[in-house]
Amino acid sequence: MEYDDYYNTTTFGPLENGKVTENPKAKWGAAKAPFFGVPMSAQIALGAVMGGGGYKYGMFNTRDTKIAASTYHDAIHRHLALWFDGEDCDPLETDEGKPPGSGVSHLAHVMACCALLIDAQQQEMLDDDRSKTGNVRNQMEASALTFKLFKEAQDRFEENK
């Protein structure tokens, strides 16, 4: 059997004259999600956040009780805003009466929130309280058109200077 091997994207292994040169298991494995393509640094950071959450709340606790999409949406935005403001990691808080912060990258927290939302959807444990107006796509497209028109007008202005 022959495979396209552009950057090893199909077989994730060596080809010789267009043919797989490895164990036949590789052929079937190549058709599945390539975990090796996920940076190990991201996997470790995600694992640290998930492990900390498991320690605080119980591992896979989100499979026992539905989670609200809005809760994780808001957490994603908080962590992303803090990261974008220059704070790399969630502070490792030890204040009495507060659960400790993780000390891990805010971006890893964003990944963890996304992972939990994906899992909750798959497990049918998502309290889907999204607004679902359908307006965002239209607004994004209108914004792109507005920017395109602005750029065209700016280009004409520059040409006529």
N, C-alpha and C. Protein backbone atom coordinates (compact mmCIF):
# COMPACT_ATOMS: atom_id res chain seq x y z
N MET A 1 0.84 -1.17 0.00
CA MET A 1 0.00 0.00 0.00
C MET A 1 0.89 1.24 0.00
N GLU A 2 0.56 2.24 -0.81
CA GLU A 2 1.38 3.45 -0.89
C GLU A 2 0.70 4.58 -0.15
N TYR A 3 1.51 5.48 0.39
CA TYR A 3 1.02 6.60 1.17
C TYR A 3 1.72 7.88 0.75
N ASP A 4 0.98 8.99 0.83
CA ASP A 4 1.60 10.30 0.69
C ASP A 4 2.38 10.54 1.98
N ASP A 5 3.54 11.13 1.90
CA ASP A 5 4.34 11.31 3.11
C ASP A 5 4.85 12.73 3.25
N TYR A 6 4.04 13.71 2.89
CA TYR A 6 4.41 15.10 3.03
C TYR A 6 4.68 15.38 4.51
N TYR A 7 5.90 15.65 4.85
CA TYR A 7 6.34 15.88 6.24
C TYR A 7 5.90 14.76 7.18
N ASN A 8 5.89 13.54 6.69
CA ASN A 8 5.51 12.39 7.51
C ASN A 8 4.11 12.53 8.09
N THR A 9 3.23 13.29 7.42
CA THR A 9 1.91 13.54 7.99
C THR A 9 0.98 12.35 7.89
N THR A 10 1.21 11.45 6.98
CA THR A 10 0.29 10.32 6.84
C THR A 10 0.73 9.13 7.67
N THR A 11 1.99 8.75 7.55
CA THR A 11 2.43 7.54 8.22
C THR A 11 3.17 7.81 9.52
N PHE A 12 3.66 9.02 9.71
CA PHE A 12 4.43 9.36 10.88
C PHE A 12 5.59 8.39 11.06
N GLY A 13 6.13 7.97 9.98
CA GLY A 13 7.26 7.06 10.02
C GLY A 13 7.96 7.04 8.68
N PRO A 14 9.05 6.33 8.57
CA PRO A 14 9.84 6.35 7.34
C PRO A 14 9.17 5.60 6.19
N LEU A 15 9.33 6.14 4.99
CA LEU A 15 8.86 5.47 3.79
C LEU A 15 10.06 5.13 2.93
N GLU A 16 9.94 4.09 2.20
CA GLU A 16 10.98 3.72 1.24
C GLU A 16 10.28 3.48 -0.08
N ASN A 17 10.57 4.31 -1.06
CA ASN A 17 9.91 4.24 -2.37
C ASN A 17 8.39 4.29 -2.23
N GLY A 18 7.90 5.14 -1.33
CA GLY A 18 6.46 5.31 -1.16
C GLY A 18 5.78 4.20 -0.39
N LYS A 19 6.54 3.27 0.17
CA LYS A 19 5.94 2.16 0.91
C LYS A 19 6.36 2.22 2.38
N VAL A 20 5.44 1.84 3.23
CA VAL A 20 5.73 1.82 4.65
C VAL A 20 6.80 0.77 4.92
N THR A 21 7.84 1.17 5.68
CA THR A 21 8.92 0.23 5.97
C THR A 21 8.87 -0.27 7.41
N GLU A 22 7.76 0.00 8.11
CA GLU A 22 7.67 -0.42 9.49
C GLU A 22 6.63 -1.51 9.68
N ASN A 23 6.44 -1.84 10.91
CA ASN A 23 5.43 -2.81 11.32
C ASN A 23 4.06 -2.39 10.77
N PRO A 24 3.23 -3.33 10.33
CA PRO A 24 1.90 -2.99 9.80
C PRO A 24 1.03 -2.22 10.80
N LYS A 25 1.29 -2.38 12.08
CA LYS A 25 0.54 -1.63 13.10
C LYS A 25 0.69 -0.13 12.86
N ALA A 26 1.85 0.29 12.34
CA ALA A 26 2.08 1.71 12.10
C ALA A 26 1.09 2.26 11.08
N LYS A 27 0.72 1.45 10.10
CA LYS A 27 -0.24 1.89 9.08
C LYS A 27 -1.57 2.25 9.74
N TRP A 28 -2.04 1.41 10.63
CA TRP A 28 -3.32 1.66 11.29
C TRP A 28 -3.19 2.75 12.34
N GLY A 29 -2.09 2.79 13.01
CA GLY A 29 -1.87 3.84 14.00
C GLY A 29 -1.78 5.21 13.37
N ALA A 30 -1.26 5.26 12.14
CA ALA A 30 -1.10 6.53 11.45
C ALA A 30 -2.43 7.18 11.11
N ALA A 31 -3.49 6.40 11.10
CA ALA A 31 -4.80 6.94 10.77
C ALA A 31 -5.51 7.52 11.99
N LYS A 32 -4.87 7.46 13.14
CA LYS A 32 -5.48 7.94 14.39
C LYS A 32 -4.81 9.23 14.85
N ALA A 33 -5.37 9.84 15.87
CA ALA A 33 -4.84 11.11 16.39
C ALA A 33 -3.37 10.97 16.76
N PRO A 34 -2.52 11.82 16.23
CA PRO A 34 -1.07 11.73 16.51
C PRO A 34 -0.69 12.48 17.80
N PHE A 35 -0.69 11.79 18.89
CA PHE A 35 -0.36 12.42 20.17
C PHE A 35 1.06 12.97 20.18
N PHE A 36 1.96 12.36 19.42
CA PHE A 36 3.34 12.83 19.45
C PHE A 36 3.46 14.24 18.88
N GLY A 37 2.44 14.71 18.17
CA GLY A 37 2.47 16.06 17.62
C GLY A 37 2.14 17.15 18.63
N VAL A 38 1.67 16.76 19.80
CA VAL A 38 1.37 17.74 20.84
C VAL A 38 2.64 17.97 21.64
N PRO A 39 3.10 19.22 21.73
CA PRO A 39 4.36 19.46 22.45
C PRO A 39 4.33 18.92 23.87
N MET A 40 5.38 18.22 24.24
CA MET A 40 5.45 17.60 25.56
C MET A 40 5.36 18.67 26.66
N SER A 41 5.93 19.85 26.41
CA SER A 41 5.87 20.92 27.42
C SER A 41 4.42 21.29 27.71
N ALA A 42 3.57 21.32 26.67
CA ALA A 42 2.16 21.62 26.86
C ALA A 42 1.46 20.49 27.61
N GLN A 43 1.79 19.24 27.27
CA GLN A 43 1.18 18.11 27.94
C GLN A 43 1.52 18.11 29.43
N ILE A 44 2.77 18.45 29.75
CA ILE A 44 3.19 18.46 31.16
C ILE A 44 2.48 19.57 31.91
N ALA A 45 2.40 20.76 31.30
CA ALA A 45 1.72 21.88 31.96
C ALA A 45 0.24 21.56 32.15
N LEU A 46 -0.40 20.99 31.12
CA LEU A 46 -1.80 20.60 31.23
C LEU A 46 -1.98 19.56 32.32
N GLY A 47 -1.08 18.59 32.36
CA GLY A 47 -1.15 17.56 33.40
C GLY A 47 -1.01 18.14 34.80
N ALA A 48 -0.16 19.16 34.93
CA ALA A 48 0.01 19.80 36.24
C ALA A 48 -1.28 20.47 36.69
N VAL A 49 -1.94 21.17 35.77
CA VAL A 49 -3.20 21.83 36.11
C VAL A 49 -4.28 20.79 36.40
N MET A 50 -4.38 19.78 35.54
CA MET A 50 -5.41 18.76 35.74
C MET A 50 -5.16 17.98 37.04
N GLY A 51 -3.90 17.70 37.32
CA GLY A 51 -3.57 17.00 38.57
C GLY A 51 -3.91 17.84 39.79
N GLY A 52 -3.60 19.13 39.72
CA GLY A 52 -3.95 20.03 40.82
C GLY A 52 -5.45 20.11 41.02
N GLY A 53 -6.17 20.20 39.90
CA GLY A 53 -7.63 20.21 40.00
C GLY A 53 -8.17 18.91 40.56
N GLY A 54 -7.56 17.79 40.16
CA GLY A 54 -7.96 16.50 40.69
C GLY A 54 -7.71 16.40 42.18
N TYR A 55 -6.60 16.97 42.62
CA TYR A 55 -6.27 16.96 44.05
C TYR A 55 -7.28 17.80 44.84
N LYS A 56 -7.62 18.98 44.29
CA LYS A 56 -8.54 19.89 44.99
C LYS A 56 -9.99 19.43 44.94
N TYR A 57 -10.44 18.95 43.77
CA TYR A 57 -11.86 18.70 43.57
C TYR A 57 -12.20 17.23 43.34
N GLY A 58 -11.19 16.42 43.09
CA GLY A 58 -11.41 15.01 42.77
C GLY A 58 -11.22 14.78 41.27
N MET A 59 -10.38 13.84 40.93
CA MET A 59 -10.12 13.55 39.52
C MET A 59 -11.41 13.08 38.85
N PHE A 60 -11.69 13.61 37.70
CA PHE A 60 -12.89 13.29 36.92
C PHE A 60 -14.19 13.65 37.65
N ASN A 61 -14.12 14.61 38.55
CA ASN A 61 -15.33 15.06 39.25
C ASN A 61 -16.34 15.66 38.27
N THR A 62 -15.86 16.15 37.14
CA THR A 62 -16.76 16.75 36.16
C THR A 62 -17.59 15.70 35.44
N ARG A 63 -17.32 14.43 35.69
CA ARG A 63 -18.16 13.36 35.11
C ARG A 63 -19.26 12.93 36.09
N ASP A 64 -19.19 13.47 37.30
CA ASP A 64 -20.22 13.16 38.29
C ASP A 64 -21.31 14.22 38.34
N THR A 65 -20.95 15.45 38.02
CA THR A 65 -21.87 16.58 38.08
C THR A 65 -21.69 17.40 36.82
N LYS A 66 -22.78 17.82 36.20
CA LYS A 66 -22.68 18.64 35.00
C LYS A 66 -21.92 19.93 35.29
N ILE A 67 -21.18 20.41 34.29
CA ILE A 67 -20.48 21.68 34.42
C ILE A 67 -21.11 22.68 33.46
N ALA A 68 -21.18 23.92 33.90
CA ALA A 68 -21.76 24.99 33.08
C ALA A 68 -20.71 25.52 32.11
N ALA A 69 -21.11 25.63 30.86
CA ALA A 69 -20.21 26.19 29.84
C ALA A 69 -19.74 27.58 30.26
N SER A 70 -20.64 28.38 30.83
CA SER A 70 -20.30 29.76 31.20
C SER A 70 -19.21 29.82 32.27
N THR A 71 -19.18 28.86 33.18
CA THR A 71 -18.16 28.85 34.23
C THR A 71 -16.77 28.73 33.61
N TYR A 72 -16.62 27.83 32.65
CA TYR A 72 -15.32 27.60 32.04
C TYR A 72 -15.00 28.67 30.99
N HIS A 73 -16.01 29.20 30.33
CA HIS A 73 -15.82 30.33 29.43
C HIS A 73 -15.21 31.50 30.20
N ASP A 74 -15.80 31.81 31.35
CA ASP A 74 -15.30 32.92 32.16
C ASP A 74 -13.89 32.65 32.67
N ALA A 75 -13.62 31.43 33.11
CA ALA A 75 -12.27 31.09 33.59
C ALA A 75 -11.25 31.21 32.46
N ILE A 76 -11.62 30.76 31.26
CA ILE A 76 -10.72 30.89 30.10
C ILE A 76 -10.38 32.35 29.88
N HIS A 77 -11.39 33.21 29.90
CA HIS A 77 -11.15 34.63 29.66
C HIS A 77 -10.32 35.27 30.76
N ARG A 78 -10.56 34.88 32.02
CA ARG A 78 -9.74 35.43 33.11
C ARG A 78 -8.27 35.03 32.95
N HIS A 79 -8.02 33.75 32.72
CA HIS A 79 -6.64 33.29 32.59
C HIS A 79 -5.96 33.90 31.36
N LEU A 80 -6.68 33.99 30.26
CA LEU A 80 -6.10 34.57 29.05
C LEU A 80 -5.83 36.06 29.24
N ALA A 81 -6.73 36.77 29.91
CA ALA A 81 -6.52 38.20 30.17
C ALA A 81 -5.30 38.41 31.06
N LEU A 82 -5.16 37.59 32.09
CA LEU A 82 -3.99 37.72 32.97
C LEU A 82 -2.71 37.41 32.22
N TRP A 83 -2.73 36.38 31.39
CA TRP A 83 -1.54 36.04 30.60
C TRP A 83 -1.20 37.17 29.64
N PHE A 84 -2.23 37.69 28.95
CA PHE A 84 -2.00 38.74 27.96
C PHE A 84 -1.53 40.03 28.62
N ASP A 85 -1.85 40.19 29.90
CA ASP A 85 -1.41 41.36 30.65
C ASP A 85 0.01 41.18 31.18
N GLY A 86 0.64 40.06 30.87
CA GLY A 86 2.04 39.86 31.24
C GLY A 86 2.28 38.93 32.41
N GLU A 87 1.22 38.41 33.01
CA GLU A 87 1.40 37.47 34.13
C GLU A 87 1.44 36.06 33.56
N ASP A 88 2.60 35.43 33.63
CA ASP A 88 2.77 34.12 33.01
C ASP A 88 2.04 33.00 33.74
N CYS A 89 2.11 33.02 35.07
CA CYS A 89 1.59 31.88 35.84
C CYS A 89 0.57 32.32 36.87
N ASP A 90 -0.33 31.41 37.16
CA ASP A 90 -1.29 31.58 38.24
C ASP A 90 -0.47 31.63 39.53
N PRO A 91 -0.66 32.68 40.36
CA PRO A 91 0.15 32.77 41.59
C PRO A 91 -0.11 31.56 42.50
N LEU A 92 0.94 31.12 43.14
CA LEU A 92 0.82 30.03 44.10
C LEU A 92 0.40 30.65 45.43
N GLU A 93 -0.91 30.77 45.61
CA GLU A 93 -1.46 31.44 46.80
C GLU A 93 -1.54 30.46 47.96
N THR A 94 -1.30 30.98 49.13
CA THR A 94 -1.42 30.15 50.33
C THR A 94 -2.23 30.86 51.40
N ASP A 95 -3.09 31.82 50.98
CA ASP A 95 -3.91 32.54 51.95
C ASP A 95 -4.86 31.59 52.67
N GLU A 96 -5.02 31.81 53.96
CA GLU A 96 -5.92 30.98 54.76
C GLU A 96 -7.34 31.13 54.26
N GLY A 97 -8.04 30.03 54.11
CA GLY A 97 -9.43 30.06 53.69
C GLY A 97 -9.62 30.07 52.18
N LYS A 98 -8.54 30.23 51.42
CA LYS A 98 -8.65 30.22 49.96
C LYS A 98 -7.97 28.96 49.43
N PRO A 99 -8.53 28.34 48.39
CA PRO A 99 -7.80 27.21 47.80
C PRO A 99 -6.51 27.73 47.16
N PRO A 100 -5.44 26.97 47.26
CA PRO A 100 -4.17 27.46 46.72
C PRO A 100 -4.21 27.59 45.20
N GLY A 101 -3.55 28.62 44.69
CA GLY A 101 -3.36 28.75 43.25
C GLY A 101 -2.37 27.69 42.80
N SER A 102 -2.28 27.47 41.52
CA SER A 102 -1.48 26.35 41.03
C SER A 102 0.00 26.68 40.85
N GLY A 103 0.31 27.93 40.55
CA GLY A 103 1.69 28.28 40.21
C GLY A 103 2.05 27.86 38.79
N VAL A 104 1.06 27.39 38.02
CA VAL A 104 1.28 26.89 36.66
C VAL A 104 0.81 27.95 35.67
N SER A 105 1.31 27.87 34.45
CA SER A 105 0.99 28.81 33.38
C SER A 105 -0.51 29.04 33.23
N HIS A 106 -0.87 30.32 33.05
CA HIS A 106 -2.26 30.64 32.76
C HIS A 106 -2.72 29.95 31.47
N LEU A 107 -1.81 29.81 30.51
CA LEU A 107 -2.17 29.15 29.25
C LEU A 107 -2.52 27.68 29.47
N ALA A 108 -1.86 27.04 30.44
CA ALA A 108 -2.19 25.65 30.77
C ALA A 108 -3.59 25.59 31.39
N HIS A 109 -3.95 26.62 32.14
CA HIS A 109 -5.31 26.67 32.69
C HIS A 109 -6.34 26.82 31.58
N VAL A 110 -6.01 27.60 30.55
CA VAL A 110 -6.91 27.74 29.41
C VAL A 110 -7.08 26.37 28.73
N MET A 111 -5.95 25.66 28.53
CA MET A 111 -6.04 24.32 27.93
C MET A 111 -6.90 23.40 28.79
N ALA A 112 -6.73 23.46 30.10
CA ALA A 112 -7.49 22.59 31.00
C ALA A 112 -8.98 22.89 30.91
N CYS A 113 -9.32 24.16 30.87
CA CYS A 113 -10.74 24.53 30.74
C CYS A 113 -11.31 23.99 29.43
N CYS A 114 -10.56 24.15 28.36
CA CYS A 114 -11.01 23.64 27.05
C CYS A 114 -11.14 22.12 27.09
N ALA A 115 -10.18 21.45 27.71
CA ALA A 115 -10.22 19.99 27.81
C ALA A 115 -11.45 19.53 28.59
N LEU A 116 -11.76 20.23 29.65
CA LEU A 116 -12.93 19.86 30.45
C LEU A 116 -14.23 20.10 29.69
N LEU A 117 -14.29 21.19 28.93
CA LEU A 117 -15.48 21.46 28.12
C LEU A 117 -15.67 20.40 27.05
N ILE A 118 -14.57 20.03 26.39
CA ILE A 118 -14.65 18.97 25.36
C ILE A 118 -15.12 17.66 25.99
N ASP A 119 -14.52 17.30 27.13
CA ASP A 119 -14.89 16.05 27.79
C ASP A 119 -16.35 16.09 28.24
N ALA A 120 -16.77 17.23 28.78
CA ALA A 120 -18.16 17.34 29.25
C ALA A 120 -19.14 17.19 28.10
N GLN A 121 -18.80 17.76 26.94
CA GLN A 121 -19.68 17.58 25.77
C GLN A 121 -19.72 16.10 25.37
N GLN A 122 -18.56 15.47 25.32
CA GLN A 122 -18.50 14.07 24.92
C GLN A 122 -19.25 13.16 25.89
N GLN A 123 -19.17 13.48 27.16
CA GLN A 123 -19.79 12.65 28.20
C GLN A 123 -21.24 13.05 28.49
N GLU A 124 -21.73 14.06 27.74
CA GLU A 124 -23.07 14.61 27.97
C GLU A 124 -23.24 15.10 29.40
N MET A 125 -22.18 15.76 29.89
CA MET A 125 -22.20 16.34 31.23
C MET A 125 -22.03 17.85 31.18
N LEU A 126 -22.36 18.46 30.05
CA LEU A 126 -22.24 19.90 29.89
C LEU A 126 -23.60 20.55 30.08
N ASP A 127 -23.67 21.47 31.04
CA ASP A 127 -24.83 22.34 31.17
C ASP A 127 -24.61 23.44 30.13
N ASP A 128 -25.20 23.28 28.99
CA ASP A 128 -24.92 24.13 27.83
C ASP A 128 -25.70 25.44 27.93
N ASP A 129 -25.15 26.36 28.72
CA ASP A 129 -25.80 27.65 28.92
C ASP A 129 -25.24 28.75 28.02
N ARG A 130 -24.69 28.33 26.86
CA ARG A 130 -24.21 29.32 25.89
C ARG A 130 -25.40 30.10 25.34
N SER A 131 -25.15 31.30 24.85
CA SER A 131 -26.24 32.14 24.35
C SER A 131 -26.80 31.65 23.02
N LYS A 132 -25.98 31.13 22.14
CA LYS A 132 -26.40 30.56 20.85
C LYS A 132 -27.25 31.49 20.01
N THR A 133 -26.86 32.77 19.94
CA THR A 133 -27.63 33.72 19.14
C THR A 133 -27.32 33.59 17.65
N GLY A 134 -26.12 33.12 17.33
CA GLY A 134 -25.71 33.06 15.94
C GLY A 134 -25.24 34.41 15.42
N ASN A 135 -25.25 35.42 16.27
CA ASN A 135 -24.86 36.76 15.85
C ASN A 135 -23.36 36.96 15.75
N VAL A 136 -22.60 36.21 16.47
CA VAL A 136 -21.15 36.44 16.51
C VAL A 136 -20.53 36.23 15.14
N ARG A 137 -20.88 35.16 14.45
CA ARG A 137 -20.33 34.90 13.12
C ARG A 137 -20.66 36.08 12.19
N ASN A 138 -21.92 36.54 12.21
CA ASN A 138 -22.31 37.67 11.37
C ASN A 138 -21.54 38.93 11.72
N GLN A 139 -21.36 39.17 13.01
CA GLN A 139 -20.62 40.36 13.44
C GLN A 139 -19.16 40.29 13.03
N MET A 140 -18.57 39.10 13.12
CA MET A 140 -17.17 38.93 12.71
C MET A 140 -17.02 39.18 11.21
N GLU A 141 -17.95 38.65 10.42
CA GLU A 141 -17.90 38.86 8.98
C GLU A 141 -18.13 40.32 8.63
N ALA A 142 -19.06 40.99 9.32
CA ALA A 142 -19.30 42.42 9.08
C ALA A 142 -18.07 43.24 9.46
N SER A 143 -17.42 42.85 10.55
CA SER A 143 -16.21 43.54 10.98
C SER A 143 -15.10 43.39 9.95
N ALA A 144 -14.97 42.20 9.40
CA ALA A 144 -13.94 41.97 8.38
C ALA A 144 -14.23 42.81 7.14
N LEU A 145 -15.50 42.92 6.76
CA LEU A 145 -15.88 43.73 5.60
C LEU A 145 -15.59 45.21 5.87
N THR A 146 -15.94 45.66 7.07
CA THR A 146 -15.67 47.06 7.44
C THR A 146 -14.18 47.34 7.36
N PHE A 147 -13.36 46.45 7.89
CA PHE A 147 -11.91 46.65 7.87
C PHE A 147 -11.39 46.64 6.44
N LYS A 148 -11.92 45.75 5.59
CA LYS A 148 -11.51 45.68 4.19
C LYS A 148 -11.83 47.00 3.49
N LEU A 149 -13.03 47.54 3.70
CA LEU A 149 -13.41 48.81 3.09
C LEU A 149 -12.52 49.95 3.59
N PHE A 150 -12.22 49.94 4.89
CA PHE A 150 -11.34 50.95 5.46
C PHE A 150 -9.96 50.87 4.82
N LYS A 151 -9.43 49.65 4.70
CA LYS A 151 -8.11 49.48 4.10
C LYS A 151 -8.10 49.94 2.66
N GLU A 152 -9.13 49.60 1.89
CA GLU A 152 -9.21 50.04 0.49
C GLU A 152 -9.25 51.56 0.40
N ALA A 153 -10.03 52.20 1.26
CA ALA A 153 -10.10 53.67 1.28
C ALA A 153 -8.75 54.26 1.66
N GLN A 154 -8.07 53.65 2.64
CA GLN A 154 -6.76 54.13 3.06
C GLN A 154 -5.75 53.98 1.93
N ASP A 155 -5.80 52.86 1.21
CA ASP A 155 -4.89 52.65 0.08
C ASP A 155 -5.12 53.69 -1.01
N ARG A 156 -6.41 54.00 -1.31
CA ARG A 156 -6.70 55.03 -2.32
C ARG A 156 -6.19 56.38 -1.87
N PHE A 157 -6.36 56.67 -0.58
CA PHE A 157 -5.88 57.94 -0.03
C PHE A 157 -4.36 58.05 -0.19
N GLU A 158 -3.66 56.97 0.13
CA GLU A 158 -2.18 56.97 0.01
C GLU A 158 -1.75 57.13 -1.44
N GLU A 159 -2.47 56.51 -2.38
CA GLU A 159 -2.13 56.61 -3.81
C GLU A 159 -2.32 58.03 -4.33
N ASN A 160 -3.29 58.76 -3.78
CA ASN A 160 -3.61 60.10 -4.28
C ASN A 160 -2.89 61.21 -3.54
N LYS A 161 -2.04 60.90 -2.64
CA LYS A 161 -1.28 61.91 -1.88
C LYS A 161 -0.37 62.67 -2.78
